[in-house]
Amino acid sequence: MQGRVRYEPADRLWFAALSSLIPRRRWANVFPITPSTLLAWHRRLVARRWDYSRRRRGPGRPRTQAAIKNLVLRLARENSRWGHRRIQGELARLGHPIAASTVWQILHTAGIDPAPRRTGPTWREFLSAQATSLIACDFLHIDTISLQRLYALIFLEHRTRRLHIAGVTAHPTAARATQQARTLATDLGIRMDSLRFLIRDRDSKYTDAFDAVFQAENIEIIKTPIRAPKANAHCERMIGTFRREVLDHMLILGEAHARQVLATYQRHYNAHRPHRARRQPAPQAHGQPPPVLEPASRRILRTRILGSVINEYRYAA
């Protein structure tokens, strides 16, 4: 049993075209379809002939070109004091007429605050620009095998990443922290002249007497926001490195043991451990060593640090 005949679009096209050549009274004898169907096909053919919808643009404003959006974001990033109207004026001078509201929408979508809220440098920009004159401090805590908690005050120079451990105690006090600050100032000596800022948190052990030790050397005290460890990221990262490389792999017996471990790690950290921020030289190194021309002919020696928790490698003399 044959089903219903379904005509392809090409068949409908031919039927509609032939309808204009054949008198209407003979349509029933020529076409195997009803006149109403044929007229409907013909209306579609005429509508398709004069349809210009593909040439029309969609409703609303045309989309802003991606290049213009990137230029708006670049101007906002490189000029933190420029608002959306100032950026619009700069774009107009470059030959890109664009509405101020469009510039505002681009900045809002990208999550960029208005100009007054982004005039100051970010913490990353501040630390990068002032690394030569920055030193930071923080407390490192160590839990011994008997669950006694010890504290060590550490200082870290941002430019060289040089580490200073000011001592270990189970009872940190404000007076002890002040004395450790004086000891650090004595140890640094002439290098104190290059420092301009000390970054610290708001711990109660950092008293006015502690700050006065550095202010006497014309060093400004910068307090980090409350519960914002990223504001003192270099010290936090150094503490995390010490835990991952040492404390996670050994048990601390007591205060004397902790002092010995910290002193050993400080020597390793400053004299041997490479640092990516310095393109891999150690903090006390003045640059990369000369390349070895014949590595196969030289023997590499291993030095075990803290019972092989850390290893150091050097070429034999």
C-alpha atoms as a PDB file:
ATOM      1  CA  MET A   1       0.000   0.000   0.000  1.00  0.00           C
ATOM      2  CA  GLN A   2       1.385   3.296  -1.085  1.00  0.00           C
ATOM      3  CA  GLY A   3       1.675   6.034   1.476  1.00  0.00           C
ATOM      4  CA  ARG A   4       1.094   9.691   1.096  1.00  0.00           C
ATOM      5  CA  VAL A   5       3.174  11.351  -1.604  1.00  0.00           C
ATOM      6  CA  ARG A   6       5.587  13.864  -0.133  1.00  0.00           C
ATOM      7  CA  TYR A   7       6.985  16.421  -2.546  1.00  0.00           C
ATOM      8  CA  GLU A   8      10.491  17.781  -2.246  1.00  0.00           C
ATOM      9  CA  PRO A   9      11.117  21.555  -2.238  1.00  0.00           C
ATOM     10  CA  ALA A  10      12.251  21.321  -5.879  1.00  0.00           C
ATOM     11  CA  ASP A  11       8.934  19.687  -6.870  1.00  0.00           C
ATOM     12  CA  ARG A  12       6.990  22.412  -5.169  1.00  0.00           C
ATOM     13  CA  LEU A  13       9.067  25.004  -6.969  1.00  0.00           C
ATOM     14  CA  TRP A  14       8.282  23.528 -10.368  1.00  0.00           C
ATOM     15  CA  PHE A  15       4.574  23.173  -9.633  1.00  0.00           C
ATOM     16  CA  ALA A  16       4.386  26.779  -8.508  1.00  0.00           C
ATOM     17  CA  ALA A  17       6.249  27.970 -11.606  1.00  0.00           C
ATOM     18  CA  LEU A  18       4.033  25.961 -13.970  1.00  0.00           C
ATOM     19  CA  SER A  19       0.889  27.328 -12.374  1.00  0.00           C
ATOM     20  CA  SER A  20       1.528  30.673 -14.046  1.00  0.00           C
ATOM     21  CA  LEU A  21       1.652  28.977 -17.498  1.00  0.00           C
ATOM     22  CA  ILE A  22      -1.434  26.786 -17.182  1.00  0.00           C
ATOM     23  CA  PRO A  23      -4.965  28.217 -16.976  1.00  0.00           C
ATOM     24  CA  ARG A  24      -6.428  27.836 -13.507  1.00  0.00           C
ATOM     25  CA  ARG A  25      -9.448  25.838 -14.736  1.00  0.00           C
ATOM     26  CA  ARG A  26      -7.094  23.033 -15.864  1.00  0.00           C
ATOM     27  CA  TRP A  27      -5.128  22.835 -12.627  1.00  0.00           C
ATOM     28  CA  ALA A  28      -7.259  19.978 -11.339  1.00  0.00           C
ATOM     29  CA  ASN A  29      -6.455  17.924 -14.458  1.00  0.00           C
ATOM     30  CA  VAL A  30      -2.702  18.700 -14.516  1.00  0.00           C
ATOM     31  CA  PHE A  31      -1.550  18.917 -10.901  1.00  0.00           C
ATOM     32  CA  PRO A  32      -1.992  16.031  -8.429  1.00  0.00           C
ATOM     33  CA  ILE A  33      -2.643  18.549  -5.615  1.00  0.00           C
ATOM     34  CA  THR A  34      -5.439  20.876  -4.636  1.00  0.00           C
ATOM     35  CA  PRO A  35      -5.474  24.488  -5.840  1.00  0.00           C
ATOM     36  CA  SER A  36      -5.161  25.801  -2.290  1.00  0.00           C
ATOM     37  CA  THR A  37      -1.923  23.851  -1.777  1.00  0.00           C
ATOM     38  CA  LEU A  38      -0.550  25.129  -5.060  1.00  0.00           C
ATOM     39  CA  LEU A  39      -1.431  28.729  -4.151  1.00  0.00           C
ATOM     40  CA  ALA A  40       0.243  28.305  -0.755  1.00  0.00           C
ATOM     41  CA  TRP A  41       3.425  27.108  -2.447  1.00  0.00           C
ATOM     42  CA  HIS A  42       3.287  30.022  -4.805  1.00  0.00           C
ATOM     43  CA  ARG A  43       2.953  32.507  -1.946  1.00  0.00           C
ATOM     44  CA  ARG A  44       6.017  30.969  -0.286  1.00  0.00           C
ATOM     45  CA  LEU A  45       7.946  31.243  -3.541  1.00  0.00           C
ATOM     46  CA  VAL A  46       7.074  34.927  -3.915  1.00  0.00           C
ATOM     47  CA  ALA A  47       7.877  35.637  -0.262  1.00  0.00           C
ATOM     48  CA  ARG A  48      11.210  33.893  -0.594  1.00  0.00           C
ATOM     49  CA  ARG A  49      11.983  35.901  -3.713  1.00  0.00           C
ATOM     50  CA  TRP A  50      11.527  39.202  -1.888  1.00  0.00           C
ATOM     51  CA  ASP A  51      12.844  38.174   1.510  1.00  0.00           C
ATOM     52  CA  TYR A  52      15.693  40.422   2.723  1.00  0.00           C
ATOM     53  CA  SER A  53      15.821  39.221   6.311  1.00  0.00           C
ATOM     54  CA  ARG A  54      19.382  37.940   5.928  1.00  0.00           C
ATOM     55  CA  ARG A  55      20.514  41.462   5.162  1.00  0.00           C
ATOM     56  CA  ARG A  56      18.951  42.865   8.295  1.00  0.00           C
ATOM     57  CA  ARG A  57      20.955  43.141  11.491  1.00  0.00           C
ATOM     58  CA  GLY A  58      19.549  41.944  14.765  1.00  0.00           C
ATOM     59  CA  PRO A  59      17.746  44.173  17.233  1.00  0.00           C
ATOM     60  CA  GLY A  60      19.756  46.556  19.420  1.00  0.00           C
ATOM     61  CA  ARG A  61      23.164  48.107  18.963  1.00  0.00           C
ATOM     62  CA  PRO A  62      25.823  46.405  16.864  1.00  0.00           C
ATOM     63  CA  ARG A  63      28.405  44.519  18.911  1.00  0.00           C
ATOM     64  CA  THR A  64      31.603  46.264  19.869  1.00  0.00           C
ATOM     65  CA  GLN A  65      34.593  44.807  18.067  1.00  0.00           C
ATOM     66  CA  ALA A  66      36.878  42.616  20.148  1.00  0.00           C
ATOM     67  CA  ALA A  67      39.857  44.811  19.260  1.00  0.00           C
ATOM     68  CA  ILE A  68      38.090  47.872  20.694  1.00  0.00           C
ATOM     69  CA  LYS A  69      37.215  45.983  23.891  1.00  0.00           C
ATOM     70  CA  ASN A  70      40.826  44.906  24.323  1.00  0.00           C
ATOM     71  CA  LEU A  71      41.971  48.495  23.757  1.00  0.00           C
ATOM     72  CA  VAL A  72      39.547  49.776  26.410  1.00  0.00           C
ATOM     73  CA  LEU A  73      40.840  47.222  28.934  1.00  0.00           C
ATOM     74  CA  ARG A  74      44.440  48.043  28.073  1.00  0.00           C
ATOM     75  CA  LEU A  75      43.905  51.783  28.603  1.00  0.00           C
ATOM     76  CA  ALA A  76      42.195  51.086  31.939  1.00  0.00           C
ATOM     77  CA  ARG A  77      44.987  48.750  33.030  1.00  0.00           C
ATOM     78  CA  GLU A  78      47.828  51.078  32.076  1.00  0.00           C
ATOM     79  CA  ASN A  79      46.136  54.247  33.387  1.00  0.00           C
ATOM     80  CA  SER A  80      44.531  53.501  36.734  1.00  0.00           C
ATOM     81  CA  ARG A  81      43.354  57.112  37.200  1.00  0.00           C
ATOM     82  CA  TRP A  82      41.361  57.228  33.952  1.00  0.00           C
ATOM     83  CA  GLY A  83      37.598  56.912  34.180  1.00  0.00           C
ATOM     84  CA  HIS A  84      35.306  55.695  31.409  1.00  0.00           C
ATOM     85  CA  ARG A  85      34.840  59.208  29.953  1.00  0.00           C
ATOM     86  CA  ARG A  86      38.583  59.822  29.845  1.00  0.00           C
ATOM     87  CA  ILE A  87      39.057  56.492  28.085  1.00  0.00           C
ATOM     88  CA  GLN A  88      36.281  57.410  25.654  1.00  0.00           C
ATOM     89  CA  GLY A  89      38.099  60.644  24.804  1.00  0.00           C
ATOM     90  CA  GLU A  90      41.359  58.794  24.178  1.00  0.00           C
ATOM     91  CA  LEU A  91      39.579  56.338  21.901  1.00  0.00           C
ATOM     92  CA  ALA A  92      37.990  59.208  19.966  1.00  0.00           C
ATOM     93  CA  ARG A  93      41.436  60.737  19.472  1.00  0.00           C
ATOM     94  CA  LEU A  94      42.626  57.397  18.099  1.00  0.00           C
ATOM     95  CA  GLY A  95      39.733  57.370  15.627  1.00  0.00           C
ATOM     96  CA  HIS A  96      37.358  55.010  17.454  1.00  0.00           C
ATOM     97  CA  PRO A  97      34.052  56.808  18.131  1.00  0.00           C
ATOM     98  CA  ILE A  98      32.348  54.930  20.947  1.00  0.00           C
ATOM     99  CA  ALA A  99      29.782  55.919  23.544  1.00  0.00           C
ATOM    100  CA  ALA A 100      30.873  56.536  27.118  1.00  0.00           C
ATOM    101  CA  SER A 101      28.174  54.134  28.303  1.00  0.00           C
ATOM    102  CA  THR A 102      29.688  51.406  26.124  1.00  0.00           C
ATOM    103  CA  VAL A 103      33.109  51.988  27.678  1.00  0.00           C
ATOM    104  CA  TRP A 104      31.551  51.818  31.143  1.00  0.00           C
ATOM    105  CA  GLN A 105      29.797  48.547  30.256  1.00  0.00           C
ATOM    106  CA  ILE A 106      33.039  46.985  28.978  1.00  0.00           C
ATOM    107  CA  LEU A 107      34.854  47.907  32.193  1.00  0.00           C
ATOM    108  CA  HIS A 108      31.953  46.719  34.366  1.00  0.00           C
ATOM    109  CA  THR A 109      31.752  43.362  32.565  1.00  0.00           C
ATOM    110  CA  ALA A 110      35.510  42.861  33.006  1.00  0.00           C
ATOM    111  CA  GLY A 111      35.195  43.532  36.747  1.00  0.00           C
ATOM    112  CA  ILE A 112      37.291  46.723  36.665  1.00  0.00           C
ATOM    113  CA  ASP A 113      36.340  49.220  39.351  1.00  0.00           C
ATOM    114  CA  PRO A 114      35.800  52.931  38.639  1.00  0.00           C
ATOM    115  CA  ALA A 115      38.913  55.075  38.536  1.00  0.00           C
ATOM    116  CA  PRO A 116      38.865  56.358  42.158  1.00  0.00           C
ATOM    117  CA  ARG A 117      38.911  52.779  43.454  1.00  0.00           C
ATOM    118  CA  ARG A 118      41.910  51.679  41.418  1.00  0.00           C
ATOM    119  CA  THR A 119      44.204  54.687  41.662  1.00  0.00           C
ATOM    120  CA  GLY A 120      46.583  53.039  44.103  1.00  0.00           C
ATOM    121  CA  PRO A 121      48.915  50.175  43.206  1.00  0.00           C
ATOM    122  CA  THR A 122      47.950  46.636  44.052  1.00  0.00           C
ATOM    123  CA  TRP A 123      49.982  44.661  46.579  1.00  0.00           C
ATOM    124  CA  ARG A 124      51.705  42.798  43.735  1.00  0.00           C
ATOM    125  CA  GLU A 125      52.638  46.047  41.966  1.00  0.00           C
ATOM    126  CA  PHE A 126      53.799  47.620  45.227  1.00  0.00           C
ATOM    127  CA  LEU A 127      55.972  44.669  46.207  1.00  0.00           C
ATOM    128  CA  SER A 128      57.548  44.411  42.734  1.00  0.00           C
ATOM    129  CA  ALA A 129      58.384  48.118  42.602  1.00  0.00           C
ATOM    130  CA  GLN A 130      59.712  48.314  46.162  1.00  0.00           C
ATOM    131  CA  ALA A 131      61.437  44.928  46.461  1.00  0.00           C
ATOM    132  CA  THR A 132      64.879  46.483  46.911  1.00  0.00           C
ATOM    133  CA  SER A 133      63.794  48.430  49.968  1.00  0.00           C
ATOM    134  CA  LEU A 134      61.483  45.873  51.603  1.00  0.00           C
ATOM    135  CA  ILE A 135      61.956  43.539  54.528  1.00  0.00           C
ATOM    136  CA  ALA A 136      59.160  41.478  56.084  1.00  0.00           C
ATOM    137  CA  CYS A 137      58.753  39.591  59.319  1.00  0.00           C
ATOM    138  CA  ASP A 138      56.447  36.927  60.709  1.00  0.00           C
ATOM    139  CA  PHE A 139      56.292  34.280  63.405  1.00  0.00           C
ATOM    140  CA  LEU A 140      56.892  30.624  62.549  1.00  0.00           C
ATOM    141  CA  HIS A 141      55.498  28.061  64.959  1.00  0.00           C
ATOM    142  CA  ILE A 142      56.874  24.553  65.455  1.00  0.00           C
ATOM    143  CA  ASP A 143      55.191  21.724  67.345  1.00  0.00           C
ATOM    144  CA  THR A 144      57.641  19.389  69.098  1.00  0.00           C
ATOM    145  CA  ILE A 145      57.271  15.659  69.625  1.00  0.00           C
ATOM    146  CA  SER A 146      55.815  16.375  73.083  1.00  0.00           C
ATOM    147  CA  LEU A 147      53.241  18.746  71.540  1.00  0.00           C
ATOM    148  CA  GLN A 148      54.979  21.823  72.916  1.00  0.00           C
ATOM    149  CA  ARG A 149      54.632  24.815  70.591  1.00  0.00           C
ATOM    150  CA  LEU A 150      57.739  26.860  69.837  1.00  0.00           C
ATOM    151  CA  TYR A 151      57.929  30.193  68.045  1.00  0.00           C
ATOM    152  CA  ALA A 152      60.612  31.690  65.842  1.00  0.00           C
ATOM    153  CA  LEU A 153      60.648  35.261  64.562  1.00  0.00           C
ATOM    154  CA  ILE A 154      61.878  35.350  60.973  1.00  0.00           C
ATOM    155  CA  PHE A 155      62.860  38.252  58.738  1.00  0.00           C
ATOM    156  CA  LEU A 156      63.049  38.036  54.937  1.00  0.00           C
ATOM    157  CA  GLU A 157      64.667  40.561  52.607  1.00  0.00           C
ATOM    158  CA  HIS A 158      62.516  40.822  49.497  1.00  0.00           C
ATOM    159  CA  ARG A 159      65.190  41.703  46.940  1.00  0.00           C
ATOM    160  CA  THR A 160      67.687  38.976  47.787  1.00  0.00           C
ATOM    161  CA  ARG A 161      65.290  36.567  49.590  1.00  0.00           C
ATOM    162  CA  ARG A 162      67.883  36.368  52.365  1.00  0.00           C
ATOM    163  CA  LEU A 163      66.454  34.723  55.485  1.00  0.00           C
ATOM    164  CA  HIS A 164      67.165  35.805  59.067  1.00  0.00           C
ATOM    165  CA  ILE A 165      65.947  33.682  61.988  1.00  0.00           C
ATOM    166  CA  ALA A 166      65.999  35.761  65.165  1.00  0.00           C
ATOM    167  CA  GLY A 167      65.677  32.961  67.693  1.00  0.00           C
ATOM    168  CA  VAL A 168      63.401  30.263  69.065  1.00  0.00           C
ATOM    169  CA  THR A 169      61.354  30.372  72.249  1.00  0.00           C
ATOM    170  CA  ALA A 170      58.333  28.723  73.821  1.00  0.00           C
ATOM    171  CA  HIS A 171      57.190  32.006  75.367  1.00  0.00           C
ATOM    172  CA  PRO A 172      57.340  34.846  72.837  1.00  0.00           C
ATOM    173  CA  THR A 173      56.894  38.261  74.400  1.00  0.00           C
ATOM    174  CA  ALA A 174      56.897  41.823  73.159  1.00  0.00           C
ATOM    175  CA  ALA A 175      60.185  42.542  74.956  1.00  0.00           C
ATOM    176  CA  ARG A 176      61.849  39.534  73.333  1.00  0.00           C
ATOM    177  CA  ALA A 177      60.605  40.561  69.867  1.00  0.00           C
ATOM    178  CA  THR A 178      62.027  44.062  70.403  1.00  0.00           C
ATOM    179  CA  GLN A 179      65.399  42.632  71.422  1.00  0.00           C
ATOM    180  CA  GLN A 180      65.434  40.388  68.354  1.00  0.00           C
ATOM    181  CA  ALA A 181      64.730  43.435  66.177  1.00  0.00           C
ATOM    182  CA  ARG A 182      67.761  45.202  67.701  1.00  0.00           C
ATOM    183  CA  THR A 183      69.908  42.118  67.042  1.00  0.00           C
ATOM    184  CA  LEU A 184      68.779  42.062  63.407  1.00  0.00           C
ATOM    185  CA  ALA A 185      69.642  45.751  62.976  1.00  0.00           C
ATOM    186  CA  THR A 186      73.127  45.048  64.316  1.00  0.00           C
ATOM    187  CA  ASP A 187      73.613  42.020  62.044  1.00  0.00           C
ATOM    188  CA  LEU A 188      72.474  43.848  58.916  1.00  0.00           C
ATOM    189  CA  GLY A 189      74.767  46.777  59.589  1.00  0.00           C
ATOM    190  CA  ILE A 190      75.187  48.983  56.539  1.00  0.00           C
ATOM    191  CA  ARG A 191      72.529  47.048  54.602  1.00  0.00           C
ATOM    192  CA  MET A 192      69.903  48.709  56.808  1.00  0.00           C
ATOM    193  CA  ASP A 193      70.500  51.910  54.822  1.00  0.00           C
ATOM    194  CA  SER A 194      68.913  50.381  51.709  1.00  0.00           C
ATOM    195  CA  LEU A 195      65.701  49.373  53.510  1.00  0.00           C
ATOM    196  CA  ARG A 196      62.712  51.710  53.561  1.00  0.00           C
ATOM    197  CA  PHE A 197      59.728  49.553  54.543  1.00  0.00           C
ATOM    198  CA  LEU A 198      59.029  46.761  57.038  1.00  0.00           C
ATOM    199  CA  ILE A 199      55.946  44.617  56.407  1.00  0.00           C
ATOM    200  CA  ARG A 200      54.388  42.996  59.464  1.00  0.00           C
ATOM    201  CA  ASP A 201      50.998  41.838  60.662  1.00  0.00           C
ATOM    202  CA  ARG A 202      49.062  43.228  63.623  1.00  0.00           C
ATOM    203  CA  ASP A 203      50.300  40.773  66.252  1.00  0.00           C
ATOM    204  CA  SER A 204      50.276  42.296  69.744  1.00  0.00           C
ATOM    205  CA  LYS A 205      53.946  41.363  70.199  1.00  0.00           C
ATOM    206  CA  TYR A 206      54.876  44.055  67.674  1.00  0.00           C
ATOM    207  CA  THR A 207      54.762  47.020  70.036  1.00  0.00           C
ATOM    208  CA  ASP A 208      55.782  50.649  69.604  1.00  0.00           C
ATOM    209  CA  ALA A 209      59.223  49.747  70.948  1.00  0.00           C
ATOM    210  CA  PHE A 210      59.583  47.116  68.198  1.00  0.00           C
ATOM    211  CA  ASP A 211      58.604  49.657  65.529  1.00  0.00           C
ATOM    212  CA  ALA A 212      60.927  52.282  67.017  1.00  0.00           C
ATOM    213  CA  VAL A 213      63.973  50.068  66.292  1.00  0.00           C
ATOM    214  CA  PHE A 214      63.259  50.333  62.565  1.00  0.00           C
ATOM    215  CA  GLN A 215      61.905  53.863  62.582  1.00  0.00           C
ATOM    216  CA  ALA A 216      65.241  54.987  64.017  1.00  0.00           C
ATOM    217  CA  GLU A 217      66.740  53.790  60.716  1.00  0.00           C
ATOM    218  CA  ASN A 218      64.097  55.730  58.698  1.00  0.00           C
ATOM    219  CA  ILE A 219      62.208  52.518  57.926  1.00  0.00           C
ATOM    220  CA  GLU A 220      58.448  52.910  57.591  1.00  0.00           C
ATOM    221  CA  ILE A 221      56.213  50.286  59.179  1.00  0.00           C
ATOM    222  CA  ILE A 222      53.513  48.825  56.904  1.00  0.00           C
ATOM    223  CA  LYS A 223      50.831  46.816  58.682  1.00  0.00           C
ATOM    224  CA  THR A 224      49.011  44.183  56.658  1.00  0.00           C
ATOM    225  CA  PRO A 225      45.197  44.083  56.682  1.00  0.00           C
ATOM    226  CA  ILE A 226      43.519  41.871  59.261  1.00  0.00           C
ATOM    227  CA  ARG A 227      43.425  38.195  58.238  1.00  0.00           C
ATOM    228  CA  ALA A 228      45.158  38.887  54.928  1.00  0.00           C
ATOM    229  CA  PRO A 229      48.188  36.557  54.760  1.00  0.00           C
ATOM    230  CA  LYS A 230      48.638  37.260  51.050  1.00  0.00           C
ATOM    231  CA  ALA A 231      49.692  40.792  51.951  1.00  0.00           C
ATOM    232  CA  ASN A 232      52.832  39.229  53.454  1.00  0.00           C
ATOM    233  CA  ALA A 233      53.095  36.558  50.781  1.00  0.00           C
ATOM    234  CA  HIS A 234      56.893  36.224  50.727  1.00  0.00           C
ATOM    235  CA  CYS A 235      57.139  35.305  54.398  1.00  0.00           C
ATOM    236  CA  GLU A 236      54.142  33.005  54.150  1.00  0.00           C
ATOM    237  CA  ARG A 237      55.689  31.230  51.178  1.00  0.00           C
ATOM    238  CA  MET A 238      59.035  30.839  52.960  1.00  0.00           C
ATOM    239  CA  ILE A 239      57.276  29.338  56.013  1.00  0.00           C
ATOM    240  CA  GLY A 240      55.383  26.958  53.739  1.00  0.00           C
ATOM    241  CA  THR A 241      58.634  25.958  52.034  1.00  0.00           C
ATOM    242  CA  PHE A 242      60.276  25.226  55.390  1.00  0.00           C
ATOM    243  CA  ARG A 243      57.353  23.028  56.417  1.00  0.00           C
ATOM    244  CA  ARG A 244      57.301  21.098  53.140  1.00  0.00           C
ATOM    245  CA  GLU A 245      61.071  20.592  53.003  1.00  0.00           C
ATOM    246  CA  VAL A 246      61.872  19.974  56.701  1.00  0.00           C
ATOM    247  CA  LEU A 247      59.081  19.832  59.281  1.00  0.00           C
ATOM    248  CA  ASP A 248      56.936  17.400  57.295  1.00  0.00           C
ATOM    249  CA  HIS A 249      59.824  14.910  57.299  1.00  0.00           C
ATOM    250  CA  MET A 250      61.282  15.028  60.819  1.00  0.00           C
ATOM    251  CA  LEU A 251      60.280  15.286  64.480  1.00  0.00           C
ATOM    252  CA  ILE A 252      61.517  18.179  66.624  1.00  0.00           C
ATOM    253  CA  LEU A 253      62.599  17.018  70.087  1.00  0.00           C
ATOM    254  CA  GLY A 254      62.800  20.340  71.893  1.00  0.00           C
ATOM    255  CA  GLU A 255      63.909  23.950  71.832  1.00  0.00           C
ATOM    256  CA  ALA A 256      67.609  23.193  71.373  1.00  0.00           C
ATOM    257  CA  HIS A 257      66.855  20.786  68.523  1.00  0.00           C
ATOM    258  CA  ALA A 258      64.574  23.352  66.853  1.00  0.00           C
ATOM    259  CA  ARG A 259      67.267  26.016  67.127  1.00  0.00           C
ATOM    260  CA  GLN A 260      69.825  23.712  65.511  1.00  0.00           C
ATOM    261  CA  VAL A 261      67.454  22.711  62.707  1.00  0.00           C
ATOM    262  CA  LEU A 262      66.528  26.317  61.948  1.00  0.00           C
ATOM    263  CA  ALA A 263      70.152  27.457  61.925  1.00  0.00           C
ATOM    264  CA  THR A 264      71.093  24.642  59.549  1.00  0.00           C
ATOM    265  CA  TYR A 265      68.189  25.382  57.237  1.00  0.00           C
ATOM    266  CA  GLN A 266      69.004  29.101  57.275  1.00  0.00           C
ATOM    267  CA  ARG A 267      72.524  28.355  56.008  1.00  0.00           C
ATOM    268  CA  HIS A 268      71.131  26.064  53.313  1.00  0.00           C
ATOM    269  CA  TYR A 269      68.415  28.543  52.335  1.00  0.00           C
ATOM    270  CA  ASN A 270      70.780  31.503  52.005  1.00  0.00           C
ATOM    271  CA  ALA A 271      73.881  29.852  50.571  1.00  0.00           C
ATOM    272  CA  HIS A 272      72.625  27.004  48.399  1.00  0.00           C
ATOM    273  CA  ARG A 273      68.900  26.804  47.720  1.00  0.00           C
ATOM    274  CA  PRO A 274      68.003  28.260  44.291  1.00  0.00           C
ATOM    275  CA  HIS A 275      65.201  30.809  44.014  1.00  0.00           C
ATOM    276  CA  ARG A 276      63.034  31.251  40.951  1.00  0.00           C
ATOM    277  CA  ALA A 277      62.422  34.915  41.763  1.00  0.00           C
ATOM    278  CA  ARG A 278      66.182  35.466  41.351  1.00  0.00           C
ATOM    279  CA  ARG A 279      66.448  33.277  38.231  1.00  0.00           C
ATOM    280  CA  GLN A 280      67.704  30.383  40.389  1.00  0.00           C
ATOM    281  CA  PRO A 281      70.783  31.759  42.231  1.00  0.00           C
ATOM    282  CA  ALA A 282      70.809  31.448  46.018  1.00  0.00           C
ATOM    283  CA  PRO A 283      70.190  34.612  48.087  1.00  0.00           C
ATOM    284  CA  GLN A 284      73.877  35.083  48.902  1.00  0.00           C
ATOM    285  CA  ALA A 285      75.048  34.322  45.350  1.00  0.00           C
ATOM    286  CA  HIS A 286      75.992  37.216  43.094  1.00  0.00           C
ATOM    287  CA  GLY A 287      74.960  35.439  39.907  1.00  0.00           C
ATOM    288  CA  GLN A 288      74.877  32.138  38.094  1.00  0.00           C
ATOM    289  CA  PRO A 289      78.103  30.075  38.111  1.00  0.00           C
ATOM    290  CA  PRO A 290      79.937  29.691  34.804  1.00  0.00           C
ATOM    291  CA  PRO A 291      78.715  26.794  32.641  1.00  0.00           C
ATOM    292  CA  VAL A 292      80.527  23.485  32.942  1.00  0.00           C
ATOM    293  CA  LEU A 293      82.100  22.590  29.612  1.00  0.00           C
ATOM    294  CA  GLU A 294      82.703  18.867  30.245  1.00  0.00           C
ATOM    295  CA  PRO A 295      80.195  17.643  32.854  1.00  0.00           C
ATOM    296  CA  ALA A 296      80.850  13.976  32.135  1.00  0.00           C
ATOM    297  CA  SER A 297      84.485  14.277  33.238  1.00  0.00           C
ATOM    298  CA  ARG A 298      83.688  15.765  36.658  1.00  0.00           C
ATOM    299  CA  ARG A 299      82.372  14.030  39.727  1.00  0.00           C
ATOM    300  CA  ILE A 300      79.357  15.374  41.615  1.00  0.00           C
ATOM    301  CA  LEU A 301      79.456  15.254  45.402  1.00  0.00           C
ATOM    302  CA  ARG A 302      76.362  15.068  47.601  1.00  0.00           C
ATOM    303  CA  THR A 303      76.176  16.749  51.001  1.00  0.00           C
ATOM    304  CA  ARG A 304      73.490  15.442  53.336  1.00  0.00           C
ATOM    305  CA  ILE A 305      71.710  18.149  55.324  1.00  0.00           C
ATOM    306  CA  LEU A 306      69.648  17.323  58.427  1.00  0.00           C
ATOM    307  CA  GLY A 307      70.162  13.588  58.008  1.00  0.00           C
ATOM    308  CA  SER A 308      69.428  13.516  54.256  1.00  0.00           C
ATOM    309  CA  VAL A 309      66.174  15.407  54.623  1.00  0.00           C
ATOM    310  CA  ILE A 310      67.840  17.878  52.248  1.00  0.00           C
ATOM    311  CA  ASN A 311      70.658  17.195  49.809  1.00  0.00           C
ATOM    312  CA  GLU A 312      73.147  19.637  48.297  1.00  0.00           C
ATOM    313  CA  TYR A 313      75.197  18.866  45.183  1.00  0.00           C
ATOM    314  CA  ARG A 314      78.555  20.277  44.095  1.00  0.00           C
ATOM    315  CA  TYR A 315      81.236  19.371  41.618  1.00  0.00           C
ATOM    316  CA  ALA A 316      84.367  17.917  43.151  1.00  0.00           C
ATOM    317  CA  ALA A 317      87.320  20.292  43.108  1.00  0.00           C
END
